[in-house]
Amino acid sequence: MVRDGKLFIAAFTAAAALAANAEVELAGAFSDGAVLQRGMKVPVWGTSEPGEKVAVSFAGQSVEAVAGADGAWRVDLAPMEACSKGRTLTAKGDRSDKAAKAEDILVGEVWFCSGQSNTELPLVGGSPRFRDGKGAMRAQMTVKPLIRYCYQSDYRASANPKKTFPRKPEWKKFLPENLGKSPSFSAMGVYFALELHSALGVPVGIIGAYWGGTGVSSWTPASGNLSVEATRKYAEREVFSSDAFAALPAEKRPCKRVQDQPRVLWNEMVAPWTPYAIRGFIWYQGCNNVGDGPAYAPKMHALYNGWAKEFENPDLRLRFVQLAPWGDGRIAALQMAQELFAAEEPNAKMAVINDLGNLSDIHPNDKETVGQRLALLSLKYDYGFERLKADSPTVKSVRAEEGKVVVEFDNAESLYIYNPDKSLTAGLEICGEDGEWKSAVIKNLKGDKGLVDGAKLVVQAEGVAAPKKIRYLHSRPWFGCIYNEVNLPLGAFEKELP
């Protein structure tokens, strides 16, 4: 094709002039009202003219960087103490008089909030079946301007990690006029942030990215899948953006929905935030992976590894929620995979909520308890509240004694049973050599009120003289009803007797 020489030169000159006058910009994450993480390096990045020297100033610090050939620059602020006074973050280039600014910036604790619909379930919403049961009441009473939230994600998928947001993120304060709008921020995230702020007395920022009905691999970056042999196939699989996926003939699509592809939601909804300094992330997901059973554990390892790498935080904390029952018989296997992952990953802790399920709704609406149990774990393991008892009971040992099974536990000084129907049916089962599971009863109860004598269970099933295995919550209705002394429920398990 022959181009008009004069027109080409004019266009090139105009483009060059535009590049030469490119303004310094802060990345979208650094908008007015943001919260920066205390106690660790804080990356700050943005764009300007290629080769321009950019000075970033905040809280008495001034750090310089030179923009690369693509115009991108980055600096790392030194660790800072918490500060409740809003200050200005400034980025100034050496080729322009105009500086980029973000006002009212706080320093405190920052967490990410992600997962599928039980994470997404809002504090206030239009559907009685998809909102927190106390959310509207809570929103009216919450005046906490030092807690900020930011939800800046479209329901879209990307084939490659995005560097920018579809629109500038907006940090909002925990005020009735913000939390009371429908749909508001994640209820789980709201309650978690409220508890942290109450206990720590410092600003708290919480960032949300969630999408109902999505699988764990969609939220896992390629680097995470490459880190675990069982998930490498997801890192190597070709994926498509929302637009490209829609243009494909149905028979050529790799899956039915664009959001079911590996890594595409990470690429679109989380990657633009990296490497924002965060303490960790809270996570509630797994319903879409309930058929995975034990295979879910390596997928969680991949998720965690990828987030830690991309956020440049090898000590990244993960506080996540074990699934609540909703009537699917496959749930126990998934729950045990979640527990296995938590046991294997030192920086992960799991909140058990099997007592909050709803057999007529996959979305239990008590997210206050969920947020509180996550916060309890975080306060103990992230913030030094060592006196707290934050962990649900876990099985330490099982043994047979005269036709009974004795189960001893970690994280329990005493035990009790509580069923809403006031029964003492506990969901325990025992099998013998024939492999036939039979309902079992707890023999070491103190009276008929549900108190257990001691911190162990003595369990027996009629017709099983020589027990070989014991399990808990593997049959309908799958509801947890055994608690330790601080009201934390025992999770599903299956153990073989020695």
Foldseek 3Di string as FASTA:
>chain_A
DDDDPVVVVVVVVVVVVCLLPFAWEWALQQAALEEAEADAKFKTKTFHRAQWWKWKDDPHDIDIWGAHNVRITMDIDGGDDWDQFKAKIWIDTPSDPDIYIHTGYTYHAEAEEEAAQLQAQALDADDPQRHFPCSLVVLQVDDFQLEKEKEQADPWFAQAADQHGPDRIDIDGSHSVQSNDHRHHGPLVVLLLVLCCVVPVGRYYYYYDYYHLADLQLQFALQLLCVFPLRNVLSVDGAHIRVVQVPDDCVPHPDNDNRHRGPGSNRGRPRNCPLGDHQAYEYEYCPNPLVVQLVVLSSVSSRVVRNCVRNVHVLHAYEYEQAAFQADLSRQSVSVNVVVNQVVDVRYDYAYDNQQYHNPGSHRNNSNVVSVLSNLVCCCPPPPPVVGLRHWWDWDAWADDQQKIKTATPSAFFKWFDDPVLAQQAQKWWDAPVPDTAGKGFDQADPSRTTGDGRMTIIHGPPHRDTFKMWGQSDPPSGFTMGGPVRGTDGTDMDTHD
